[in-house]
Amino acid sequence: MRRAQLYPERSEQMTIREQTEQRELESLSPFACRAADSKGRMHPLEPCHLRTCFQRDADRIVHSKAFRRLTHKTQVFLRPEGDHYRTRMTHTLEVARIARTMARGLLLNEDLTEACALGHDLGHTPFGHAGERALNEIMSGGFRHNEQSLRVVDVLEDGGEGLNLCHEVREGILCHTKGRQAKTLEGQIIRLADRIAYINHDIDDALRGGIIFPMDIPVELCSRLGFSHGSRIDNLVADVIESSCGQNQITQSPEHQEAMEELRKFMFKAVYRNPVAKGEEGKAEALVKTLFEHFAKKPDLLPKDFQEIRVKEGAERASCDYIAGMTDKYAVELFETLFIPHAWAVK
C-alpha cells in the first residue's frame, strides 16, 4: 500500500520527512520538542527527504566508530567472564529503551530522546569509572565523561569533522549527568533513564556474579519498588510518566525518588565499593595513568589521527582523547606492548 493511500489527506508532494514532521505537530505534547523546531546544527545541512533531523542524528551516532567501541568497554565489572554481563553498549541500549518508553508515555519526541540516549556515553573511558577517575586526576582541568561524549560528536568523529548533530541532541548528551539540566524534556529524560537503567542492571549483574544475594537487598525498598529487575524498572518508569504528565519538567514522586536514592546508596555500599567486585580497579587506574604519561611525554608516538589535535590543543589533550576512546582490551594490549618484556625467541 502506498503512503498516499495511508495518509490521503496529505499532499503527495510532501516528503516522508515532512509527513513525519506533520504528525509530530498534530500528535505530540505541547511540551515536546518537534524536529521542525530544532535550533539546527553548527554547520547547516541539506534536510533529508526520508528522516527528520533527530532521526538522522540517531543514525549518525549508531554508525560511528565510538558507538561500536562501546561493545568492548566496561560498565561496572572489569572484563568479567561470562556472556551476560553488561557492557557500555548494552547499558546504552537499555537506557535508550527506558527513555523511549518514558517519551512515548508523555507524548514527547521519541526520536530526539533516542538520539540523546544513544550518544550519552560515547566519551566514556576504558574500565568504566575507574578510567574516568584516572584521567580526571591526571588531566589538566579534569575529565568528565559527559563532556568527552560531546567532544566525540563535535570534534573527534568522522576524521576530525565531528557528527554535526542538532543542538538539542548535543545538549541532551552533555546534560545527562549531574549539573546543568537540559532545556528539552527529552533531554531531561535521559538523566533519569540512565540512573534507572544502571542501578537495576548493576543489581542484576551483581547477583549473577555472587557479589550480593537477593536477601541482601533491603526488603523495605523491594516492597516499594519491586522484587524483580523488571518490576523495579516498570514501577520507576511508570512513576516518572505519572509524575511528569502535564508538567513542563521531568520528575519523580517524592516516594519513588527517595526509594531510588536509597537503592543507589545500597549499591555503593554493597557493590560499587566492594573490594571483591572492584579489586582490580587500582590496576586499571594505574594502567590508564601510565599510558597517559607515556604519550603526553612522547606525543610523536600518538597515531596520526591525533597529531592535528596535538598541534592545535597540546599533547595532553591529544593523549587524553586517544586513551579515552580505547576499549578495555586495546588498552591492556597496548600497555603490554609498550611496557611488558616479550620472550626472546631464536629463529
Protein backbone atom coordinates (compact mmCIF):
# COMPACT_ATOMS: atom_id res chain seq x y z
CA MET A 1 0.00 0.00 0.00
CA ARG A 2 1.37 3.41 -0.96
CA ARG A 3 1.88 6.11 1.67
CA ALA A 4 -0.58 8.34 -0.21
CA GLN A 5 -3.25 5.71 0.47
CA LEU A 6 -2.31 5.57 4.16
CA TYR A 7 -2.42 9.36 4.50
CA PRO A 8 -4.82 10.54 1.76
CA GLU A 9 -5.32 13.95 3.41
CA ARG A 10 -1.67 14.82 2.84
CA SER A 11 -0.26 16.07 -0.39
CA GLU A 12 1.77 13.62 -2.43
CA GLN A 13 4.25 16.47 -2.81
CA MET A 14 5.25 16.14 0.86
CA THR A 15 8.40 14.17 1.54
CA ILE A 16 8.37 11.35 4.09
CA ARG A 17 10.26 13.63 6.46
CA GLU A 18 7.68 16.37 6.07
CA GLN A 19 4.88 13.91 6.73
CA THR A 20 6.64 12.79 9.91
CA GLU A 21 7.05 16.39 11.00
CA GLN A 22 3.35 16.97 10.33
CA ARG A 23 2.41 14.02 12.54
CA GLU A 24 4.67 15.40 15.28
CA LEU A 25 2.84 18.71 15.05
CA GLU A 26 -0.54 17.00 15.35
CA SER A 27 0.17 14.34 17.97
CA LEU A 28 2.94 15.38 20.34
CA SER A 29 2.52 17.18 23.67
CA PRO A 30 2.73 20.98 23.71
CA PHE A 31 5.85 20.46 25.85
CA ALA A 32 7.57 18.27 23.24
CA CYS A 33 10.45 19.37 21.05
CA ARG A 34 9.45 18.94 17.42
CA ALA A 35 12.06 18.22 14.77
CA ALA A 36 10.82 21.12 12.63
CA ASP A 37 11.54 23.48 15.55
CA SER A 38 15.13 22.33 16.14
CA LYS A 39 17.69 25.09 16.67
CA GLY A 40 19.72 23.36 13.99
CA ARG A 41 23.34 22.29 13.60
CA MET A 42 26.65 24.07 13.94
CA HIS A 43 27.11 23.59 10.19
CA PRO A 44 23.97 23.83 8.03
CA LEU A 45 22.99 20.61 6.29
CA GLU A 46 20.54 19.93 3.49
CA PRO A 47 17.47 18.22 5.04
CA CYS A 48 16.98 14.52 4.37
CA HIS A 49 13.82 13.63 2.43
CA LEU A 50 13.31 10.46 4.50
CA ARG A 51 14.36 11.28 8.07
CA THR A 52 13.81 14.13 10.48
CA CYS A 53 16.91 15.83 11.85
CA PHE A 54 16.67 13.82 15.09
CA GLN A 55 16.24 10.50 13.29
CA ARG A 56 19.26 11.40 11.21
CA ASP A 57 21.29 12.13 14.35
CA ALA A 58 20.42 8.74 15.86
CA ASP A 59 21.63 7.07 12.66
CA ARG A 60 24.84 9.11 12.65
CA ILE A 61 25.59 8.02 16.21
CA VAL A 62 24.86 4.33 15.60
CA HIS A 63 27.13 4.29 12.54
CA SER A 64 30.02 5.99 14.36
CA LYS A 65 33.22 4.26 15.43
CA ALA A 66 32.82 5.50 19.00
CA PHE A 67 29.46 3.77 19.26
CA ARG A 68 30.87 0.46 18.04
CA ARG A 69 33.66 0.62 20.62
CA LEU A 70 31.09 0.67 23.45
CA THR A 71 30.74 -3.10 22.95
CA HIS A 72 34.18 -3.62 24.48
CA LYS A 73 34.09 -1.03 27.27
CA THR A 74 33.40 -1.85 30.91
CA GLN A 75 30.11 -0.93 32.51
CA VAL A 76 30.81 -1.92 36.15
CA PHE A 77 32.69 -5.22 36.28
CA LEU A 78 36.14 -5.23 34.69
CA ARG A 79 36.42 -7.84 31.94
CA PRO A 80 34.02 -10.32 33.58
CA GLU A 81 33.98 -13.95 32.50
CA GLY A 82 30.56 -14.76 31.10
CA ASP A 83 28.31 -13.74 28.25
CA HIS A 84 25.54 -12.00 30.18
CA TYR A 85 27.23 -9.13 31.99
CA ARG A 86 26.52 -5.63 30.81
CA THR A 87 28.95 -3.62 28.72
CA ARG A 88 28.80 0.09 27.99
CA MET A 89 26.95 -0.84 24.78
CA THR A 90 24.21 -2.88 26.44
CA HIS A 91 23.85 -0.18 29.09
CA THR A 92 23.35 2.40 26.33
CA LEU A 93 20.69 0.29 24.63
CA GLU A 94 18.83 -0.25 27.92
CA VAL A 95 18.89 3.48 28.59
CA ALA A 96 17.52 4.11 25.11
CA ARG A 97 14.62 1.69 25.58
CA ILE A 98 13.69 3.06 29.02
CA ALA A 99 13.94 6.63 27.73
CA ARG A 100 11.74 5.92 24.71
CA THR A 101 9.09 4.35 26.91
CA MET A 102 9.02 7.48 29.05
CA ALA A 103 8.88 9.74 25.99
CA ARG A 104 6.06 7.73 24.45
CA GLY A 105 4.05 7.81 27.65
CA LEU A 106 4.42 11.59 27.86
CA LEU A 107 3.82 12.21 24.12
CA LEU A 108 7.32 13.61 23.73
CA ASN A 109 9.68 13.22 20.79
CA GLU A 110 10.92 9.63 20.83
CA ASP A 111 13.48 10.24 18.08
CA LEU A 112 15.18 13.08 19.95
CA THR A 113 15.09 11.04 23.15
CA GLU A 114 16.66 8.04 21.42
CA ALA A 115 19.43 10.10 19.83
CA CYS A 116 20.38 11.62 23.19
CA ALA A 117 20.38 8.19 24.83
CA LEU A 118 22.48 6.54 22.13
CA GLY A 119 25.12 9.26 22.36
CA HIS A 120 25.24 9.88 26.10
CA ASP A 121 28.21 7.60 26.91
CA LEU A 122 30.28 7.84 23.71
CA GLY A 123 33.06 9.57 25.64
CA HIS A 124 33.31 7.02 28.43
CA THR A 125 36.78 5.69 29.13
CA PRO A 126 38.02 2.10 29.17
CA PHE A 127 37.50 0.39 32.54
CA GLY A 128 34.36 2.39 33.34
CA HIS A 129 34.52 4.94 36.13
CA ALA A 130 37.99 3.71 37.14
CA GLY A 131 39.34 5.02 33.86
CA GLU A 132 37.37 8.23 34.29
CA ARG A 133 38.81 8.79 37.77
CA ALA A 134 42.33 8.24 36.48
CA LEU A 135 42.01 10.78 33.68
CA ASN A 136 40.24 13.23 35.97
CA GLU A 137 43.19 13.10 38.37
CA ILE A 138 45.94 13.45 35.80
CA MET A 139 44.42 15.64 33.09
CA SER A 140 44.82 19.41 33.47
CA GLY A 141 41.33 20.77 34.07
CA GLY A 142 39.99 17.34 34.94
CA PHE A 143 37.97 14.88 32.88
CA ARG A 144 34.21 14.26 32.79
CA HIS A 145 32.77 11.63 30.52
CA ASN A 146 29.70 13.67 29.56
CA GLU A 147 31.92 16.49 28.29
CA GLN A 148 34.06 13.96 26.45
CA SER A 149 30.92 12.47 24.86
CA LEU A 150 30.10 15.90 23.46
CA ARG A 151 33.69 16.29 22.27
CA VAL A 152 33.42 12.94 20.47
CA VAL A 153 30.38 14.04 18.44
CA ASP A 154 31.63 17.60 17.91
CA VAL A 155 35.33 17.04 17.19
CA LEU A 156 36.69 13.51 17.19
CA GLU A 157 34.38 11.50 14.96
CA ASP A 158 34.47 11.38 11.17
CA GLY A 159 38.15 12.15 10.82
CA GLY A 160 38.01 15.25 12.98
CA GLU A 161 34.91 16.69 11.34
CA GLY A 162 32.51 15.53 14.07
CA LEU A 163 28.98 14.28 13.53
CA ASN A 164 27.45 17.77 13.28
CA LEU A 165 24.46 16.88 15.47
CA CYS A 166 21.49 19.07 16.31
CA HIS A 167 21.70 21.46 19.24
CA GLU A 168 19.05 19.56 21.22
CA VAL A 169 20.85 16.20 20.87
CA ARG A 170 24.18 17.72 21.86
CA GLU A 171 22.60 19.31 24.93
CA GLY A 172 20.94 16.05 25.95
CA ILE A 173 24.30 14.27 25.75
CA LEU A 174 26.11 16.93 27.77
CA CYS A 175 23.44 17.25 30.47
CA HIS A 176 22.71 13.57 31.11
CA THR A 177 24.56 13.58 34.43
CA LYS A 178 24.54 15.93 37.41
CA GLY A 179 24.90 19.65 36.81
CA ARG A 180 23.10 21.77 34.27
CA GLN A 181 19.75 20.36 33.18
CA ALA A 182 18.75 20.04 29.54
CA LYS A 183 16.16 22.54 28.36
CA THR A 184 14.14 19.96 26.42
CA LEU A 185 12.08 17.41 28.32
CA GLU A 186 13.51 14.75 26.02
CA GLY A 187 16.99 15.65 27.23
CA GLN A 188 15.85 15.67 30.85
CA ILE A 189 14.50 12.13 30.46
CA ILE A 190 18.00 10.78 29.77
CA ARG A 191 19.28 11.66 33.24
CA LEU A 192 16.59 9.59 34.96
CA ALA A 193 16.63 6.81 32.36
CA ASP A 194 20.39 6.45 32.83
CA ARG A 195 20.04 6.17 36.59
CA ILE A 196 17.10 3.76 36.46
CA ALA A 197 18.98 1.58 33.99
CA TYR A 198 22.34 1.37 35.75
CA ILE A 199 21.03 0.87 39.28
CA ASN A 200 18.84 -2.03 38.21
CA HIS A 201 21.11 -3.75 35.72
CA ASP A 202 24.03 -3.43 38.15
CA ILE A 203 21.91 -5.25 40.74
CA ASP A 204 21.26 -7.95 38.13
CA ASP A 205 24.98 -8.30 37.32
CA ALA A 206 25.98 -8.26 40.99
CA LEU A 207 23.51 -11.06 41.72
CA ARG A 208 24.83 -13.05 38.77
CA GLY A 209 28.40 -12.59 39.96
CA GLY A 210 27.65 -13.58 43.55
CA ILE A 211 28.64 -10.15 44.87
CA ILE A 212 25.24 -9.79 46.54
CA PHE A 213 22.33 -12.14 47.12
CA PRO A 214 18.59 -11.46 46.86
CA MET A 215 18.17 -11.28 50.62
CA ASP A 216 20.82 -8.53 50.79
CA ILE A 217 18.58 -6.02 49.02
CA PRO A 218 16.57 -4.18 51.71
CA VAL A 219 13.09 -5.70 51.88
CA GLU A 220 11.54 -2.32 52.54
CA LEU A 221 12.91 -1.00 49.23
CA CYS A 222 11.77 -4.09 47.35
CA SER A 223 8.27 -3.73 48.76
CA ARG A 224 8.15 -0.18 47.42
CA LEU A 225 9.88 -0.65 44.08
CA GLY A 226 9.53 -4.34 43.27
CA PHE A 227 11.22 -7.65 43.99
CA SER A 228 12.46 -8.31 40.45
CA HIS A 229 14.54 -6.49 37.87
CA GLY A 230 11.57 -5.96 35.58
CA SER A 231 9.13 -4.88 38.25
CA ARG A 232 11.52 -2.26 39.63
CA ILE A 233 12.08 -0.72 36.21
CA ASP A 234 8.36 -0.84 35.43
CA ASN A 235 7.44 0.90 38.69
CA LEU A 236 10.11 3.59 38.34
CA VAL A 237 9.28 4.32 34.69
CA ALA A 238 5.54 4.44 35.38
CA ASP A 239 6.14 6.82 38.27
CA VAL A 240 8.14 9.22 36.07
CA ILE A 241 5.35 9.22 33.48
CA GLU A 242 2.62 9.77 36.06
CA SER A 243 4.56 12.46 37.93
CA SER A 244 5.61 14.34 34.78
CA CYS A 245 2.32 14.13 32.87
CA GLY A 246 1.06 17.60 32.02
CA GLN A 247 4.19 19.19 33.51
CA ASN A 248 6.92 21.15 31.77
CA GLN A 249 9.58 19.15 33.62
CA ILE A 250 10.60 15.53 34.11
CA THR A 251 10.27 14.46 37.71
CA GLN A 252 9.58 11.63 40.13
CA SER A 253 7.21 11.36 43.05
CA PRO A 254 8.98 12.08 46.38
CA GLU A 255 8.35 8.48 47.48
CA HIS A 256 9.96 6.89 44.42
CA GLN A 257 12.79 9.42 44.32
CA GLU A 258 13.65 8.63 47.94
CA ALA A 259 13.41 4.87 47.39
CA MET A 260 15.64 5.00 44.30
CA GLU A 261 18.21 7.11 46.13
CA GLU A 262 18.24 4.61 49.00
CA LEU A 263 18.70 1.78 46.49
CA ARG A 264 21.60 3.69 44.92
CA LYS A 265 23.22 4.14 48.35
CA PHE A 266 22.84 0.41 48.94
CA MET A 267 24.61 -0.29 45.64
CA PHE A 268 27.51 2.00 46.51
CA LYS A 269 27.98 0.23 49.81
CA ALA A 270 27.43 -3.34 48.63
CA VAL A 271 28.78 -3.28 45.07
CA TYR A 272 30.44 -0.11 43.79
CA ARG A 273 32.89 -0.04 46.72
CA ASN A 274 33.01 -3.79 47.24
CA PRO A 275 36.67 -4.96 47.20
CA VAL A 276 35.69 -8.27 45.59
CA ALA A 277 33.88 -6.59 42.69
CA LYS A 278 36.22 -3.64 42.34
CA GLY A 279 39.55 -5.07 43.49
CA GLU A 280 41.20 -4.71 40.09
CA GLU A 281 40.25 -1.06 39.61
CA GLY A 282 43.50 0.20 41.15
CA LYS A 283 45.43 -1.64 38.45
CA ALA A 284 43.15 -0.20 35.77
CA GLU A 285 43.69 3.34 37.06
CA ALA A 286 47.47 2.84 37.14
CA LEU A 287 47.40 1.48 33.57
CA VAL A 288 45.44 4.49 32.28
CA LYS A 289 47.74 6.97 34.05
CA THR A 290 50.85 5.22 32.73
CA LEU A 291 49.56 5.31 29.15
CA PHE A 292 48.62 8.98 29.52
CA GLU A 293 52.04 9.97 30.87
CA HIS A 294 53.78 7.96 28.16
CA PHE A 295 52.02 9.67 25.25
CA ALA A 296 51.99 13.11 26.86
CA LYS A 297 55.80 12.93 27.14
CA LYS A 298 56.27 11.26 23.74
CA PRO A 299 53.50 12.73 21.57
CA ASP A 300 55.31 11.74 18.37
CA LEU A 301 54.15 8.20 19.15
CA LEU A 302 50.48 9.16 19.02
CA PRO A 303 48.58 7.84 15.99
CA LYS A 304 48.35 10.25 13.08
CA ASP A 305 44.62 10.86 13.76
CA PHE A 306 45.64 12.69 16.95
CA GLN A 307 48.56 14.70 15.65
CA GLU A 308 46.41 17.61 14.50
CA ILE A 309 44.82 17.77 17.97
CA ARG A 310 48.34 17.79 19.45
CA VAL A 311 49.27 20.77 17.28
CA LYS A 312 46.09 22.71 18.00
CA GLU A 313 45.39 21.79 21.62
CA GLY A 314 48.54 20.24 23.01
CA ALA A 315 49.96 16.81 23.76
CA GLU A 316 47.89 16.29 26.93
CA ARG A 317 44.62 16.86 25.12
CA ALA A 318 45.60 14.54 22.28
CA SER A 319 46.75 11.85 24.71
CA CYS A 320 43.53 12.14 26.69
CA ASP A 321 41.38 11.82 23.56
CA TYR A 322 43.36 8.79 22.41
CA ILE A 323 43.15 6.96 25.73
CA ALA A 324 39.52 7.86 26.48
CA GLY A 325 38.50 6.29 23.18
CA MET A 326 40.24 2.97 23.84
CA THR A 327 38.39 -0.24 24.61
CA ASP A 328 39.46 -2.23 27.66
CA LYS A 329 41.12 -4.89 25.52
CA TYR A 330 43.01 -2.42 23.35
CA ALA A 331 44.30 -0.52 26.39
CA VAL A 332 45.60 -3.71 28.02
CA GLU A 333 47.22 -4.95 24.81
CA LEU A 334 48.85 -1.58 24.16
CA PHE A 335 50.17 -1.46 27.73
CA GLU A 336 51.65 -4.94 27.33
CA THR A 337 53.27 -3.96 24.03
CA LEU A 338 54.81 -0.82 25.49
CA PHE A 339 55.83 -1.92 28.97
CA ILE A 340 55.89 -5.74 29.32
CA PRO A 341 59.02 -7.54 28.06
CA HIS A 342 58.38 -10.14 25.39
CA ALA A 343 60.08 -13.53 25.37
CA TRP A 344 63.08 -13.70 23.08
CA ALA A 345 62.88 -16.49 20.57
CA VAL A 346 65.74 -17.89 18.48
CA LYS A 347 64.83 -18.08 14.81
